[in-house]
Amino acid sequence: MNDLHGIDIAAELGKVHEHWTPRVVGRVNDQYIKVAKLLGELVWHAHDAEDEMFLVISGRLRIQLPDDEEVVLAPGQFYVVPRGVQHNPIAEEEVEIVLIETITTAHTGDVVVEGTVPVEEQVRDFS
């Protein structure tokens, strides 16, 4: 049974010390709830079988999309990148986010780069 306490998003973000390193803080059915801090640019990638939700807590996040389109998110705003859509998150200043992703979602989707964080590492401290 789960502990009877709320999850403090700010406190959980305080435990994140590296940019682009999501950390699992909860689970709802087959979805992980993750927190992360972003700075700079990740990599163009897609998740062929899963949608990905970005919720901005602080900062301003740009998500580049195909055909020179982009979504710009301010604190309190979210965007769902549909499965199979190439995207590239960019944070020109530090951005704190909550991600909601299926438990099978690979960090950088169909692309593996030096900064790719396996799901096993993202769940490491989650109990």
C-alpha atoms as a PDB file:
ATOM      1  CA  MET A   1       0.000   0.000   0.000  1.00  0.00           C
ATOM      2  CA  ASN A   2       1.197   3.530  -0.758  1.00  0.00           C
ATOM      3  CA  ASP A   3       2.292   5.891   1.998  1.00  0.00           C
ATOM      4  CA  LEU A   4      -0.399   8.420   2.831  1.00  0.00           C
ATOM      5  CA  HIS A   5       1.371  11.596   1.766  1.00  0.00           C
ATOM      6  CA  GLY A   6       1.410  13.939  -1.163  1.00  0.00           C
ATOM      7  CA  ILE A   7       4.320  14.260  -3.527  1.00  0.00           C
ATOM      8  CA  ASP A   8       6.035  17.651  -3.300  1.00  0.00           C
ATOM      9  CA  ILE A   9       7.067  18.451  -6.878  1.00  0.00           C
ATOM     10  CA  ALA A  10       9.404  21.291  -5.787  1.00  0.00           C
ATOM     11  CA  ALA A  11      11.174  18.982  -3.323  1.00  0.00           C
ATOM     12  CA  GLU A  12      11.488  16.254  -5.951  1.00  0.00           C
ATOM     13  CA  LEU A  13      12.928  18.745  -8.457  1.00  0.00           C
ATOM     14  CA  GLY A  14      15.409  19.737  -5.747  1.00  0.00           C
ATOM     15  CA  LYS A  15      16.800  16.190  -5.900  1.00  0.00           C
ATOM     16  CA  VAL A  16      17.570  16.521  -9.623  1.00  0.00           C
ATOM     17  CA  HIS A  17      21.173  17.632 -10.095  1.00  0.00           C
ATOM     18  CA  GLU A  18      21.837  16.960 -13.786  1.00  0.00           C
ATOM     19  CA  HIS A  19      20.052  18.444 -16.768  1.00  0.00           C
ATOM     20  CA  TRP A  20      18.142  16.089 -19.089  1.00  0.00           C
ATOM     21  CA  THR A  21      18.080  13.336 -16.442  1.00  0.00           C
ATOM     22  CA  PRO A  22      14.439  12.463 -15.706  1.00  0.00           C
ATOM     23  CA  ARG A  23      13.615  11.012 -12.284  1.00  0.00           C
ATOM     24  CA  VAL A  24      10.509   8.920 -11.635  1.00  0.00           C
ATOM     25  CA  VAL A  25       8.469  10.259  -8.698  1.00  0.00           C
ATOM     26  CA  GLY A  26       5.186   8.402  -9.181  1.00  0.00           C
ATOM     27  CA  ARG A  27       3.217   5.919 -11.202  1.00  0.00           C
ATOM     28  CA  VAL A  28      -0.394   5.873 -12.374  1.00  0.00           C
ATOM     29  CA  ASN A  29      -1.279   2.525 -13.945  1.00  0.00           C
ATOM     30  CA  ASP A  30       1.191   2.155 -16.831  1.00  0.00           C
ATOM     31  CA  GLN A  31       2.330   5.802 -16.757  1.00  0.00           C
ATOM     32  CA  TYR A  32       5.377   7.174 -14.957  1.00  0.00           C
ATOM     33  CA  ILE A  33       5.334  10.685 -13.534  1.00  0.00           C
ATOM     34  CA  LYS A  34       8.823  12.136 -13.861  1.00  0.00           C
ATOM     35  CA  VAL A  35      10.550  15.387 -12.948  1.00  0.00           C
ATOM     36  CA  ALA A  36      13.514  16.847 -14.797  1.00  0.00           C
ATOM     37  CA  LYS A  37      15.568  19.971 -15.233  1.00  0.00           C
ATOM     38  CA  LEU A  38      16.460  21.013 -18.753  1.00  0.00           C
ATOM     39  CA  LEU A  39      19.073  23.368 -20.157  1.00  0.00           C
ATOM     40  CA  GLY A  40      20.219  23.594 -23.748  1.00  0.00           C
ATOM     41  CA  GLU A  41      19.067  21.230 -26.455  1.00  0.00           C
ATOM     42  CA  LEU A  42      18.389  17.481 -26.229  1.00  0.00           C
ATOM     43  CA  VAL A  43      18.174  15.771 -29.641  1.00  0.00           C
ATOM     44  CA  TRP A  44      15.613  15.321 -32.406  1.00  0.00           C
ATOM     45  CA  HIS A  45      13.792  12.078 -31.655  1.00  0.00           C
ATOM     46  CA  ALA A  46      10.409  10.350 -31.670  1.00  0.00           C
ATOM     47  CA  HIS A  47       8.610   7.760 -29.588  1.00  0.00           C
ATOM     48  CA  ASP A  48       6.990   5.412 -32.085  1.00  0.00           C
ATOM     49  CA  ALA A  49       4.517   3.790 -29.695  1.00  0.00           C
ATOM     50  CA  GLU A  50       3.952   6.399 -26.964  1.00  0.00           C
ATOM     51  CA  ASP A  51       2.687   9.949 -26.498  1.00  0.00           C
ATOM     52  CA  GLU A  52       4.787  12.199 -24.229  1.00  0.00           C
ATOM     53  CA  MET A  53       3.463  15.003 -22.023  1.00  0.00           C
ATOM     54  CA  PHE A  54       5.608  17.997 -20.984  1.00  0.00           C
ATOM     55  CA  LEU A  55       4.285  20.190 -18.121  1.00  0.00           C
ATOM     56  CA  VAL A  56       6.407  23.252 -17.378  1.00  0.00           C
ATOM     57  CA  ILE A  57       6.839  24.122 -13.694  1.00  0.00           C
ATOM     58  CA  SER A  58       9.362  26.953 -14.144  1.00  0.00           C
ATOM     59  CA  GLY A  59      11.171  28.533 -17.067  1.00  0.00           C
ATOM     60  CA  ARG A  60      10.199  28.528 -20.735  1.00  0.00           C
ATOM     61  CA  LEU A  61      10.412  25.431 -22.951  1.00  0.00           C
ATOM     62  CA  ARG A  62      10.452  25.353 -26.745  1.00  0.00           C
ATOM     63  CA  ILE A  63       9.597  22.102 -28.451  1.00  0.00           C
ATOM     64  CA  GLN A  64      10.619  22.046 -32.093  1.00  0.00           C
ATOM     65  CA  LEU A  65       8.350  20.022 -34.357  1.00  0.00           C
ATOM     66  CA  PRO A  66       8.464  19.019 -38.054  1.00  0.00           C
ATOM     67  CA  ASP A  67       7.894  21.606 -40.792  1.00  0.00           C
ATOM     68  CA  ASP A  68       9.527  24.399 -38.752  1.00  0.00           C
ATOM     69  CA  GLU A  69       6.657  24.418 -36.246  1.00  0.00           C
ATOM     70  CA  GLU A  70       7.252  24.772 -32.527  1.00  0.00           C
ATOM     71  CA  VAL A  71       5.369  24.945 -29.265  1.00  0.00           C
ATOM     72  CA  VAL A  72       6.478  27.386 -26.571  1.00  0.00           C
ATOM     73  CA  LEU A  73       5.416  26.553 -23.017  1.00  0.00           C
ATOM     74  CA  ALA A  74       5.384  28.842 -19.973  1.00  0.00           C
ATOM     75  CA  PRO A  75       4.948  27.741 -16.337  1.00  0.00           C
ATOM     76  CA  GLY A  76       1.640  25.952 -15.832  1.00  0.00           C
ATOM     77  CA  GLN A  77       1.307  24.973 -19.497  1.00  0.00           C
ATOM     78  CA  PHE A  78       1.618  21.511 -20.988  1.00  0.00           C
ATOM     79  CA  TYR A  79       1.823  19.919 -24.402  1.00  0.00           C
ATOM     80  CA  VAL A  80       1.408  16.329 -25.523  1.00  0.00           C
ATOM     81  CA  VAL A  81       3.734  15.229 -28.315  1.00  0.00           C
ATOM     82  CA  PRO A  82       1.792  12.563 -30.223  1.00  0.00           C
ATOM     83  CA  ARG A  83       3.426   9.189 -30.754  1.00  0.00           C
ATOM     84  CA  GLY A  84       5.642   9.005 -33.805  1.00  0.00           C
ATOM     85  CA  VAL A  85       6.162  12.788 -34.056  1.00  0.00           C
ATOM     86  CA  GLN A  86       9.776  13.955 -34.260  1.00  0.00           C
ATOM     87  CA  HIS A  87      10.487  16.642 -31.662  1.00  0.00           C
ATOM     88  CA  ASN A  88      13.401  18.452 -30.067  1.00  0.00           C
ATOM     89  CA  PRO A  89      13.027  20.156 -26.658  1.00  0.00           C
ATOM     90  CA  ILE A  90      15.105  23.306 -26.155  1.00  0.00           C
ATOM     91  CA  ALA A  91      15.604  25.235 -22.917  1.00  0.00           C
ATOM     92  CA  GLU A  92      17.441  28.523 -23.366  1.00  0.00           C
ATOM     93  CA  GLU A  93      17.298  28.979 -19.580  1.00  0.00           C
ATOM     94  CA  GLU A  94      16.899  26.281 -16.932  1.00  0.00           C
ATOM     95  CA  VAL A  95      13.433  24.748 -17.132  1.00  0.00           C
ATOM     96  CA  GLU A  96      11.812  22.504 -14.543  1.00  0.00           C
ATOM     97  CA  ILE A  97       9.245  20.070 -15.917  1.00  0.00           C
ATOM     98  CA  VAL A  98       6.983  17.184 -15.101  1.00  0.00           C
ATOM     99  CA  LEU A  99       6.784  14.457 -17.736  1.00  0.00           C
ATOM    100  CA  ILE A 100       4.028  11.895 -17.996  1.00  0.00           C
ATOM    101  CA  GLU A 101       5.074   8.933 -20.091  1.00  0.00           C
ATOM    102  CA  THR A 102       4.185   5.295 -20.522  1.00  0.00           C
ATOM    103  CA  ILE A 103       6.557   3.075 -18.526  1.00  0.00           C
ATOM    104  CA  THR A 104       7.991   1.764 -21.815  1.00  0.00           C
ATOM    105  CA  THR A 105       8.984   5.227 -23.117  1.00  0.00           C
ATOM    106  CA  ALA A 106      12.693   5.423 -23.912  1.00  0.00           C
ATOM    107  CA  HIS A 107      14.317   8.710 -22.862  1.00  0.00           C
ATOM    108  CA  THR A 108      15.426   9.758 -26.329  1.00  0.00           C
ATOM    109  CA  GLY A 109      13.033   7.502 -28.205  1.00  0.00           C
ATOM    110  CA  ASP A 110      14.441   6.141 -31.432  1.00  0.00           C
ATOM    111  CA  VAL A 111      17.842   7.838 -30.951  1.00  0.00           C
ATOM    112  CA  VAL A 112      20.576   6.893 -28.494  1.00  0.00           C
ATOM    113  CA  VAL A 113      23.116   9.589 -27.602  1.00  0.00           C
ATOM    114  CA  GLU A 114      25.703   9.993 -24.871  1.00  0.00           C
ATOM    115  CA  GLY A 115      23.140  11.651 -22.565  1.00  0.00           C
ATOM    116  CA  THR A 116      20.428   9.002 -22.989  1.00  0.00           C
ATOM    117  CA  VAL A 117      19.221   7.831 -19.561  1.00  0.00           C
ATOM    118  CA  PRO A 118      17.795   4.281 -19.444  1.00  0.00           C
ATOM    119  CA  VAL A 119      14.427   3.886 -17.703  1.00  0.00           C
ATOM    120  CA  GLU A 120      16.089   1.657 -15.085  1.00  0.00           C
ATOM    121  CA  GLU A 121      18.178   4.625 -13.945  1.00  0.00           C
ATOM    122  CA  GLN A 122      15.182   6.968 -13.955  1.00  0.00           C
ATOM    123  CA  VAL A 123      13.335   4.666 -11.512  1.00  0.00           C
ATOM    124  CA  ARG A 124      16.350   3.994  -9.324  1.00  0.00           C
ATOM    125  CA  ASP A 125      15.139   5.986  -6.290  1.00  0.00           C
ATOM    126  CA  PHE A 126      11.420   5.400  -6.791  1.00  0.00           C
ATOM    127  CA  SER A 127       9.804   3.067  -4.279  1.00  0.00           C
END
